[in-house]
N, C-alpha and C. Protein backbone atom coordinates (compact mmCIF):
# COMPACT_ATOMS: atom_id res chain seq x y z
N MET A 1 8.86 -1.71 2.98
CA MET A 1 7.56 -1.79 3.62
C MET A 1 7.46 -3.13 4.34
N THR A 2 7.16 -3.08 5.62
CA THR A 2 7.04 -4.32 6.39
C THR A 2 5.75 -5.04 6.01
N GLN A 3 5.68 -6.30 6.42
CA GLN A 3 4.49 -7.11 6.13
C GLN A 3 3.24 -6.49 6.76
N ASP A 4 3.37 -5.97 8.00
CA ASP A 4 2.24 -5.32 8.66
C ASP A 4 1.81 -4.06 7.92
N ASN A 5 2.79 -3.26 7.50
CA ASN A 5 2.48 -2.04 6.75
C ASN A 5 1.81 -2.36 5.42
N ARG A 6 2.31 -3.39 4.74
CA ARG A 6 1.72 -3.78 3.45
C ARG A 6 0.27 -4.24 3.66
N ALA A 7 0.04 -5.02 4.69
CA ALA A 7 -1.33 -5.48 4.97
C ALA A 7 -2.24 -4.30 5.30
N GLN A 8 -1.75 -3.36 6.10
CA GLN A 8 -2.54 -2.17 6.44
C GLN A 8 -2.82 -1.34 5.18
N THR A 9 -1.82 -1.22 4.32
CA THR A 9 -1.97 -0.46 3.09
C THR A 9 -3.01 -1.10 2.18
N ILE A 10 -2.91 -2.40 1.99
CA ILE A 10 -3.86 -3.10 1.12
C ILE A 10 -5.27 -3.05 1.72
N ARG A 11 -5.37 -3.21 3.02
CA ARG A 11 -6.68 -3.12 3.69
C ARG A 11 -7.30 -1.74 3.48
N ALA A 12 -6.49 -0.69 3.60
CA ALA A 12 -6.98 0.67 3.37
C ALA A 12 -7.44 0.83 1.92
N GLY A 13 -6.68 0.27 0.99
CA GLY A 13 -7.06 0.36 -0.42
C GLY A 13 -8.33 -0.41 -0.74
N LEU A 14 -8.47 -1.58 -0.16
CA LEU A 14 -9.68 -2.37 -0.39
C LEU A 14 -10.91 -1.66 0.17
N THR A 15 -10.79 -1.11 1.38
CA THR A 15 -11.91 -0.40 1.98
C THR A 15 -12.21 0.87 1.20
N GLY A 16 -11.17 1.61 0.82
CA GLY A 16 -11.37 2.81 0.01
C GLY A 16 -11.97 2.49 -1.34
N GLY A 17 -11.54 1.38 -1.94
CA GLY A 17 -12.10 0.95 -3.22
C GLY A 17 -13.57 0.59 -3.09
N LEU A 18 -13.92 -0.07 -1.99
CA LEU A 18 -15.33 -0.40 -1.73
C LEU A 18 -16.15 0.89 -1.58
N LEU A 19 -15.62 1.83 -0.80
CA LEU A 19 -16.28 3.12 -0.62
C LEU A 19 -16.48 3.82 -1.98
N GLY A 20 -15.42 3.89 -2.77
CA GLY A 20 -15.52 4.50 -4.09
C GLY A 20 -16.50 3.77 -4.99
N GLY A 21 -16.52 2.44 -4.91
CA GLY A 21 -17.45 1.65 -5.72
C GLY A 21 -18.90 1.92 -5.39
N VAL A 22 -19.19 2.15 -4.12
CA VAL A 22 -20.56 2.50 -3.72
C VAL A 22 -20.89 3.92 -4.18
N ILE A 23 -19.96 4.85 -3.99
CA ILE A 23 -20.22 6.25 -4.33
C ILE A 23 -20.38 6.43 -5.84
N ILE A 24 -19.62 5.70 -6.65
CA ILE A 24 -19.78 5.82 -8.10
C ILE A 24 -21.17 5.35 -8.51
N TRP A 25 -21.69 4.32 -7.83
CA TRP A 25 -23.05 3.86 -8.14
C TRP A 25 -24.09 4.90 -7.71
N ILE A 26 -23.84 5.58 -6.60
CA ILE A 26 -24.76 6.65 -6.19
C ILE A 26 -24.75 7.76 -7.25
N TYR A 27 -23.57 8.13 -7.71
CA TYR A 27 -23.46 9.13 -8.78
C TYR A 27 -24.24 8.67 -10.01
N GLU A 28 -24.03 7.43 -10.43
CA GLU A 28 -24.71 6.92 -11.62
C GLU A 28 -26.23 6.91 -11.43
N ALA A 29 -26.68 6.57 -10.22
CA ALA A 29 -28.12 6.57 -9.95
C ALA A 29 -28.69 7.98 -10.05
N VAL A 30 -27.99 8.95 -9.50
CA VAL A 30 -28.48 10.32 -9.52
C VAL A 30 -28.39 10.92 -10.93
N VAL A 31 -27.21 10.78 -11.56
CA VAL A 31 -26.97 11.47 -12.83
C VAL A 31 -27.45 10.65 -14.02
N TRP A 32 -26.93 9.43 -14.18
CA TRP A 32 -27.25 8.64 -15.37
C TRP A 32 -28.71 8.21 -15.39
N VAL A 33 -29.25 7.85 -14.22
CA VAL A 33 -30.64 7.39 -14.16
C VAL A 33 -31.59 8.56 -13.94
N GLY A 34 -31.35 9.33 -12.88
CA GLY A 34 -32.28 10.38 -12.50
C GLY A 34 -32.30 11.59 -13.41
N LEU A 35 -31.14 12.07 -13.82
CA LEU A 35 -31.08 13.30 -14.62
C LEU A 35 -31.04 13.05 -16.13
N GLN A 36 -30.22 12.09 -16.54
CA GLN A 36 -30.03 11.88 -17.98
C GLN A 36 -30.93 10.78 -18.55
N HIS A 37 -31.54 9.99 -17.70
CA HIS A 37 -32.44 8.90 -18.13
C HIS A 37 -31.75 7.96 -19.13
N MET A 38 -30.47 7.65 -18.85
CA MET A 38 -29.70 6.78 -19.75
C MET A 38 -30.05 5.31 -19.57
N MET A 39 -30.52 4.94 -18.39
CA MET A 39 -30.84 3.55 -18.09
C MET A 39 -31.76 3.53 -16.88
N PRO A 40 -32.45 2.42 -16.66
CA PRO A 40 -33.23 2.30 -15.43
C PRO A 40 -32.29 2.05 -14.25
N LEU A 41 -32.75 2.33 -13.06
CA LEU A 41 -31.94 2.11 -11.86
C LEU A 41 -31.44 0.67 -11.78
N ALA A 42 -32.30 -0.27 -12.14
CA ALA A 42 -31.91 -1.69 -12.10
C ALA A 42 -30.83 -2.02 -13.12
N GLY A 43 -30.59 -1.12 -14.08
CA GLY A 43 -29.58 -1.39 -15.09
C GLY A 43 -28.15 -1.17 -14.61
N ILE A 44 -27.99 -0.46 -13.50
CA ILE A 44 -26.64 -0.16 -13.03
C ILE A 44 -25.85 -1.42 -12.69
N PRO A 45 -26.37 -2.34 -11.86
CA PRO A 45 -25.55 -3.51 -11.52
C PRO A 45 -25.21 -4.40 -12.72
N ARG A 46 -26.12 -4.52 -13.68
CA ARG A 46 -25.85 -5.40 -14.80
C ARG A 46 -25.05 -4.73 -15.90
N ASN A 47 -24.83 -3.42 -15.81
CA ASN A 47 -24.10 -2.67 -16.82
C ASN A 47 -22.69 -3.22 -17.03
N ALA A 48 -22.03 -3.65 -15.96
CA ALA A 48 -20.66 -4.16 -16.09
C ALA A 48 -20.61 -5.41 -16.97
N VAL A 49 -21.64 -6.24 -16.91
CA VAL A 49 -21.67 -7.44 -17.76
C VAL A 49 -21.73 -7.03 -19.23
N GLY A 50 -22.56 -6.04 -19.54
CA GLY A 50 -22.65 -5.57 -20.91
C GLY A 50 -21.35 -4.97 -21.41
N LEU A 51 -20.67 -4.24 -20.53
CA LEU A 51 -19.40 -3.62 -20.92
C LEU A 51 -18.30 -4.66 -21.13
N VAL A 52 -18.28 -5.69 -20.30
CA VAL A 52 -17.21 -6.70 -20.38
C VAL A 52 -17.51 -7.76 -21.44
N PHE A 53 -18.75 -8.26 -21.46
CA PHE A 53 -19.07 -9.39 -22.33
C PHE A 53 -19.99 -9.04 -23.50
N GLY A 54 -20.53 -7.83 -23.52
CA GLY A 54 -21.45 -7.42 -24.58
C GLY A 54 -22.90 -7.52 -24.14
N LYS A 55 -23.71 -6.72 -24.79
CA LYS A 55 -25.14 -6.68 -24.46
C LYS A 55 -25.84 -8.02 -24.68
N PRO A 56 -25.52 -8.79 -25.74
CA PRO A 56 -26.20 -10.08 -25.92
C PRO A 56 -25.99 -11.03 -24.74
N VAL A 57 -24.78 -11.06 -24.20
CA VAL A 57 -24.51 -11.91 -23.03
C VAL A 57 -25.27 -11.38 -21.82
N GLN A 58 -25.27 -10.08 -21.66
CA GLN A 58 -26.00 -9.46 -20.55
C GLN A 58 -27.47 -9.86 -20.60
N GLU A 59 -28.06 -9.79 -21.75
CA GLU A 59 -29.48 -10.14 -21.90
C GLU A 59 -29.70 -11.64 -21.71
N ALA A 60 -28.79 -12.46 -22.24
CA ALA A 60 -28.94 -13.92 -22.14
C ALA A 60 -28.85 -14.41 -20.70
N LEU A 61 -28.07 -13.72 -19.87
CA LEU A 61 -27.89 -14.15 -18.48
C LEU A 61 -29.11 -13.85 -17.61
N GLY A 62 -29.95 -12.95 -18.05
CA GLY A 62 -31.15 -12.61 -17.28
C GLY A 62 -30.77 -12.09 -15.90
N PRO A 63 -31.44 -12.58 -14.85
CA PRO A 63 -31.19 -12.09 -13.49
C PRO A 63 -29.76 -12.34 -12.99
N ILE A 64 -29.09 -13.34 -13.55
CA ILE A 64 -27.71 -13.62 -13.14
C ILE A 64 -26.79 -12.44 -13.49
N ALA A 65 -27.18 -11.66 -14.50
CA ALA A 65 -26.37 -10.51 -14.90
C ALA A 65 -26.26 -9.49 -13.76
N TYR A 66 -27.28 -9.39 -12.92
CA TYR A 66 -27.23 -8.47 -11.78
C TYR A 66 -26.15 -8.89 -10.79
N VAL A 67 -26.10 -10.18 -10.51
CA VAL A 67 -25.11 -10.71 -9.55
C VAL A 67 -23.71 -10.63 -10.14
N LEU A 68 -23.57 -11.09 -11.39
CA LEU A 68 -22.25 -11.06 -12.04
C LEU A 68 -21.76 -9.63 -12.22
N GLY A 69 -22.65 -8.74 -12.64
CA GLY A 69 -22.28 -7.33 -12.82
C GLY A 69 -21.83 -6.68 -11.53
N THR A 70 -22.53 -6.98 -10.44
CA THR A 70 -22.13 -6.47 -9.13
C THR A 70 -20.76 -6.99 -8.76
N GLY A 71 -20.53 -8.27 -8.99
CA GLY A 71 -19.22 -8.87 -8.70
C GLY A 71 -18.11 -8.24 -9.52
N ILE A 72 -18.35 -8.05 -10.81
CA ILE A 72 -17.35 -7.42 -11.68
C ILE A 72 -17.05 -6.00 -11.20
N HIS A 73 -18.12 -5.24 -10.95
CA HIS A 73 -17.95 -3.85 -10.52
C HIS A 73 -17.09 -3.76 -9.26
N PHE A 74 -17.45 -4.54 -8.24
CA PHE A 74 -16.71 -4.42 -6.98
C PHE A 74 -15.35 -5.09 -7.03
N ALA A 75 -15.16 -6.10 -7.87
CA ALA A 75 -13.82 -6.68 -8.03
C ALA A 75 -12.86 -5.63 -8.58
N PHE A 76 -13.30 -4.90 -9.60
CA PHE A 76 -12.45 -3.84 -10.15
C PHE A 76 -12.27 -2.70 -9.15
N ALA A 77 -13.34 -2.34 -8.44
CA ALA A 77 -13.24 -1.26 -7.44
C ALA A 77 -12.23 -1.63 -6.35
N LEU A 78 -12.26 -2.86 -5.90
CA LEU A 78 -11.33 -3.31 -4.86
C LEU A 78 -9.90 -3.36 -5.41
N PHE A 79 -9.73 -3.92 -6.61
CA PHE A 79 -8.41 -4.02 -7.21
C PHE A 79 -7.77 -2.63 -7.38
N TRP A 80 -8.50 -1.69 -8.01
CA TRP A 80 -7.95 -0.37 -8.25
C TRP A 80 -7.73 0.39 -6.94
N GLY A 81 -8.54 0.09 -5.92
CA GLY A 81 -8.33 0.70 -4.60
C GLY A 81 -7.01 0.24 -4.00
N ALA A 82 -6.74 -1.07 -4.08
CA ALA A 82 -5.47 -1.60 -3.55
C ALA A 82 -4.28 -1.02 -4.31
N VAL A 83 -4.41 -0.89 -5.63
CA VAL A 83 -3.32 -0.32 -6.43
C VAL A 83 -3.04 1.12 -5.97
N PHE A 84 -4.10 1.92 -5.82
CA PHE A 84 -3.89 3.30 -5.38
C PHE A 84 -3.20 3.34 -4.01
N ALA A 85 -3.65 2.51 -3.10
CA ALA A 85 -3.07 2.51 -1.75
C ALA A 85 -1.59 2.14 -1.78
N LEU A 86 -1.21 1.24 -2.66
CA LEU A 86 0.20 0.85 -2.76
C LEU A 86 1.05 1.97 -3.36
N VAL A 87 0.46 2.79 -4.23
CA VAL A 87 1.18 3.89 -4.86
C VAL A 87 1.18 5.14 -3.98
N TRP A 88 0.15 5.29 -3.14
CA TRP A 88 -0.02 6.52 -2.37
C TRP A 88 1.20 6.91 -1.53
N PRO A 89 1.86 6.00 -0.80
CA PRO A 89 3.00 6.44 0.01
C PRO A 89 4.10 7.13 -0.82
N ALA A 90 4.34 6.65 -2.02
CA ALA A 90 5.35 7.30 -2.88
C ALA A 90 4.88 8.67 -3.33
N LEU A 91 3.61 8.80 -3.64
CA LEU A 91 3.07 10.11 -4.04
C LEU A 91 3.13 11.09 -2.87
N ARG A 92 2.79 10.61 -1.68
CA ARG A 92 2.82 11.46 -0.48
C ARG A 92 4.23 11.97 -0.22
N ARG A 93 5.23 11.08 -0.37
CA ARG A 93 6.63 11.49 -0.16
C ARG A 93 7.06 12.55 -1.16
N ARG A 94 6.48 12.55 -2.33
CA ARG A 94 6.82 13.53 -3.36
C ARG A 94 5.99 14.80 -3.26
N GLY A 95 5.16 14.90 -2.20
CA GLY A 95 4.40 16.11 -1.94
C GLY A 95 3.05 16.21 -2.63
N TRP A 96 2.56 15.10 -3.18
CA TRP A 96 1.26 15.12 -3.84
C TRP A 96 0.16 15.27 -2.80
N GLU A 97 -0.87 16.00 -3.14
CA GLU A 97 -2.08 16.07 -2.33
C GLU A 97 -3.00 14.97 -2.83
N ALA A 98 -3.74 14.34 -1.94
CA ALA A 98 -4.55 13.17 -2.29
C ALA A 98 -5.60 13.48 -3.35
N THR A 99 -6.26 14.61 -3.25
CA THR A 99 -7.31 14.93 -4.22
C THR A 99 -6.71 15.13 -5.61
N MET A 100 -5.57 15.78 -5.70
CA MET A 100 -4.92 15.96 -7.00
C MET A 100 -4.51 14.62 -7.59
N ALA A 101 -3.96 13.76 -6.76
CA ALA A 101 -3.60 12.41 -7.23
C ALA A 101 -4.84 11.68 -7.72
N ALA A 102 -5.95 11.85 -7.00
CA ALA A 102 -7.21 11.18 -7.37
C ALA A 102 -7.72 11.65 -8.73
N LEU A 103 -7.58 12.92 -9.02
CA LEU A 103 -8.07 13.43 -10.30
C LEU A 103 -7.30 12.79 -11.46
N PHE A 104 -5.99 12.70 -11.33
CA PHE A 104 -5.20 12.04 -12.37
C PHE A 104 -5.49 10.54 -12.41
N TYR A 105 -5.66 9.94 -11.24
CA TYR A 105 -5.95 8.51 -11.16
C TYR A 105 -7.29 8.20 -11.83
N ALA A 106 -8.28 9.05 -11.64
CA ALA A 106 -9.59 8.85 -12.26
C ALA A 106 -9.48 8.85 -13.78
N VAL A 107 -8.74 9.79 -14.33
CA VAL A 107 -8.57 9.86 -15.78
C VAL A 107 -7.81 8.62 -16.26
N PHE A 108 -6.76 8.25 -15.55
CA PHE A 108 -5.99 7.05 -15.89
C PHE A 108 -6.91 5.82 -15.89
N LEU A 109 -7.73 5.67 -14.84
CA LEU A 109 -8.63 4.52 -14.75
C LEU A 109 -9.63 4.50 -15.89
N TRP A 110 -10.20 5.66 -16.20
CA TRP A 110 -11.18 5.69 -17.29
C TRP A 110 -10.53 5.24 -18.59
N ILE A 111 -9.35 5.74 -18.86
CA ILE A 111 -8.66 5.37 -20.10
C ILE A 111 -8.34 3.88 -20.12
N VAL A 112 -7.73 3.37 -19.07
CA VAL A 112 -7.35 1.95 -19.02
C VAL A 112 -8.58 1.05 -19.12
N MET A 113 -9.60 1.34 -18.33
CA MET A 113 -10.80 0.50 -18.32
C MET A 113 -11.51 0.53 -19.68
N HIS A 114 -11.59 1.68 -20.29
CA HIS A 114 -12.34 1.77 -21.53
C HIS A 114 -11.55 1.30 -22.74
N VAL A 115 -10.24 1.40 -22.70
CA VAL A 115 -9.45 0.76 -23.74
C VAL A 115 -9.62 -0.76 -23.63
N ALA A 116 -9.60 -1.28 -22.41
CA ALA A 116 -9.80 -2.72 -22.21
C ALA A 116 -11.18 -3.16 -22.70
N ILE A 117 -12.20 -2.35 -22.42
CA ILE A 117 -13.56 -2.67 -22.88
C ILE A 117 -13.61 -2.66 -24.41
N ALA A 118 -12.98 -1.67 -25.03
CA ALA A 118 -12.97 -1.58 -26.48
C ALA A 118 -12.23 -2.75 -27.11
N VAL A 119 -11.15 -3.21 -26.46
CA VAL A 119 -10.39 -4.35 -26.96
C VAL A 119 -11.17 -5.65 -26.78
N ALA A 120 -11.92 -5.74 -25.68
CA ALA A 120 -12.66 -6.97 -25.36
C ALA A 120 -13.77 -7.26 -26.37
N GLY A 121 -14.34 -6.24 -26.94
CA GLY A 121 -15.43 -6.48 -27.89
C GLY A 121 -15.84 -5.20 -28.58
N ASP A 122 -16.75 -5.34 -29.53
CA ASP A 122 -17.18 -4.17 -30.28
C ASP A 122 -18.51 -3.61 -29.79
N ASP A 123 -19.04 -4.16 -28.73
CA ASP A 123 -20.31 -3.71 -28.17
C ASP A 123 -20.04 -2.83 -26.95
N HIS A 124 -19.62 -1.60 -27.21
CA HIS A 124 -19.28 -0.67 -26.13
C HIS A 124 -19.83 0.70 -26.47
N PRO A 125 -19.88 1.59 -25.48
CA PRO A 125 -20.37 2.94 -25.77
C PRO A 125 -19.50 3.64 -26.82
N ASP A 126 -20.02 4.68 -27.42
CA ASP A 126 -19.29 5.47 -28.41
C ASP A 126 -18.31 6.37 -27.68
N TYR A 127 -17.04 5.96 -27.63
CA TYR A 127 -16.04 6.69 -26.87
C TYR A 127 -15.59 7.99 -27.56
N LEU A 128 -16.19 8.31 -28.69
CA LEU A 128 -15.94 9.60 -29.31
C LEU A 128 -17.06 10.59 -29.00
N ASP A 129 -18.12 10.10 -28.37
CA ASP A 129 -19.25 10.95 -27.98
C ASP A 129 -18.86 11.74 -26.73
N PRO A 130 -18.87 13.08 -26.80
CA PRO A 130 -18.47 13.89 -25.63
C PRO A 130 -19.28 13.58 -24.37
N VAL A 131 -20.55 13.23 -24.51
CA VAL A 131 -21.37 12.90 -23.34
C VAL A 131 -20.84 11.64 -22.66
N VAL A 132 -20.43 10.66 -23.45
CA VAL A 132 -19.87 9.43 -22.90
C VAL A 132 -18.53 9.71 -22.21
N VAL A 133 -17.69 10.50 -22.85
CA VAL A 133 -16.37 10.81 -22.30
C VAL A 133 -16.50 11.62 -21.00
N ILE A 134 -17.27 12.69 -21.04
CA ILE A 134 -17.42 13.54 -19.85
C ILE A 134 -18.11 12.78 -18.73
N GLY A 135 -19.18 12.05 -19.07
CA GLY A 135 -19.87 11.25 -18.05
C GLY A 135 -18.96 10.19 -17.45
N GLY A 136 -18.12 9.58 -18.28
CA GLY A 136 -17.19 8.57 -17.78
C GLY A 136 -16.14 9.16 -16.85
N PHE A 137 -15.57 10.29 -17.27
CA PHE A 137 -14.58 10.94 -16.40
C PHE A 137 -15.22 11.35 -15.08
N MET A 138 -16.40 11.96 -15.16
CA MET A 138 -17.07 12.41 -13.93
C MET A 138 -17.35 11.24 -12.99
N SER A 139 -17.84 10.14 -13.53
CA SER A 139 -18.13 9.01 -12.65
C SER A 139 -16.85 8.49 -11.99
N HIS A 140 -15.76 8.48 -12.74
CA HIS A 140 -14.51 8.00 -12.15
C HIS A 140 -13.93 8.97 -11.13
N PHE A 141 -14.22 10.27 -11.27
CA PHE A 141 -13.85 11.21 -10.21
C PHE A 141 -14.59 10.86 -8.92
N PHE A 142 -15.86 10.49 -9.05
CA PHE A 142 -16.66 10.14 -7.87
C PHE A 142 -16.19 8.83 -7.25
N TYR A 143 -15.42 8.03 -7.97
CA TYR A 143 -14.79 6.84 -7.41
C TYR A 143 -13.45 7.22 -6.77
N ALA A 144 -12.61 7.90 -7.51
CA ALA A 144 -11.21 8.09 -7.11
C ALA A 144 -11.03 9.07 -5.96
N VAL A 145 -11.81 10.14 -5.90
CA VAL A 145 -11.61 11.13 -4.83
C VAL A 145 -11.94 10.55 -3.45
N PRO A 146 -13.09 9.90 -3.26
CA PRO A 146 -13.32 9.29 -1.93
C PRO A 146 -12.29 8.22 -1.60
N LEU A 147 -11.90 7.43 -2.60
CA LEU A 147 -10.86 6.42 -2.41
C LEU A 147 -9.58 7.07 -1.90
N ALA A 148 -9.12 8.10 -2.58
CA ALA A 148 -7.85 8.74 -2.22
C ALA A 148 -7.91 9.39 -0.85
N LEU A 149 -9.00 10.06 -0.55
CA LEU A 149 -9.12 10.71 0.76
C LEU A 149 -9.19 9.69 1.89
N TYR A 150 -9.86 8.57 1.63
CA TYR A 150 -9.92 7.52 2.64
C TYR A 150 -8.53 6.91 2.86
N VAL A 151 -7.84 6.59 1.78
CA VAL A 151 -6.50 6.00 1.90
C VAL A 151 -5.56 6.98 2.59
N LYS A 152 -5.62 8.25 2.22
CA LYS A 152 -4.78 9.27 2.86
C LYS A 152 -5.03 9.29 4.37
N HIS A 153 -6.29 9.27 4.75
CA HIS A 153 -6.65 9.30 6.17
C HIS A 153 -6.15 8.05 6.90
N ARG A 154 -6.38 6.89 6.32
CA ARG A 154 -5.99 5.62 6.97
C ARG A 154 -4.48 5.44 7.05
N LEU A 155 -3.76 5.99 6.09
CA LEU A 155 -2.30 5.80 6.05
C LEU A 155 -1.55 7.04 6.48
N ALA A 156 -2.24 7.95 7.17
CA ALA A 156 -1.59 9.19 7.62
C ALA A 156 -0.42 8.86 8.53
N LEU A 157 0.64 9.63 8.35
CA LEU A 157 1.82 9.46 9.21
C LEU A 157 1.51 10.01 10.59
N PRO A 158 2.05 9.38 11.63
CA PRO A 158 1.85 9.91 12.98
C PRO A 158 2.39 11.33 13.10
N ALA A 159 1.69 12.16 13.83
CA ALA A 159 2.11 13.57 13.98
C ALA A 159 3.38 13.70 14.79
């Protein structure tokens, strides 16, 4: 991969990750806030602080938790977007369809992220609760599918 191709690939992944990061928040606003009433709308940006550092830190930070949580959320969204974009050319060569790759990637991300959250502290959701598991997988599908389709489009081979 040339330097120009690598830069284009990473740029596509970062943009796709940003897109997925916004769409996952839209999903959470509609489903977690609007339908399930799991948290207030304002709780979405600060949720990442609670997951990474625990609820006591989230509460102690006050309004700063919104800024830090937004930063954490989008830092991970950008990172995982770049990772997908770097892996996508190999998957494409092997005949993978982007949406299928995204479904597996979403499950992989949920497992990796939530194992890391569980290791980081004991203040995390009940990962044995089916609602938490299904809701987590669904939200990550809403991240990974737009990411994968965007990366596929941006890195399409010339006809």
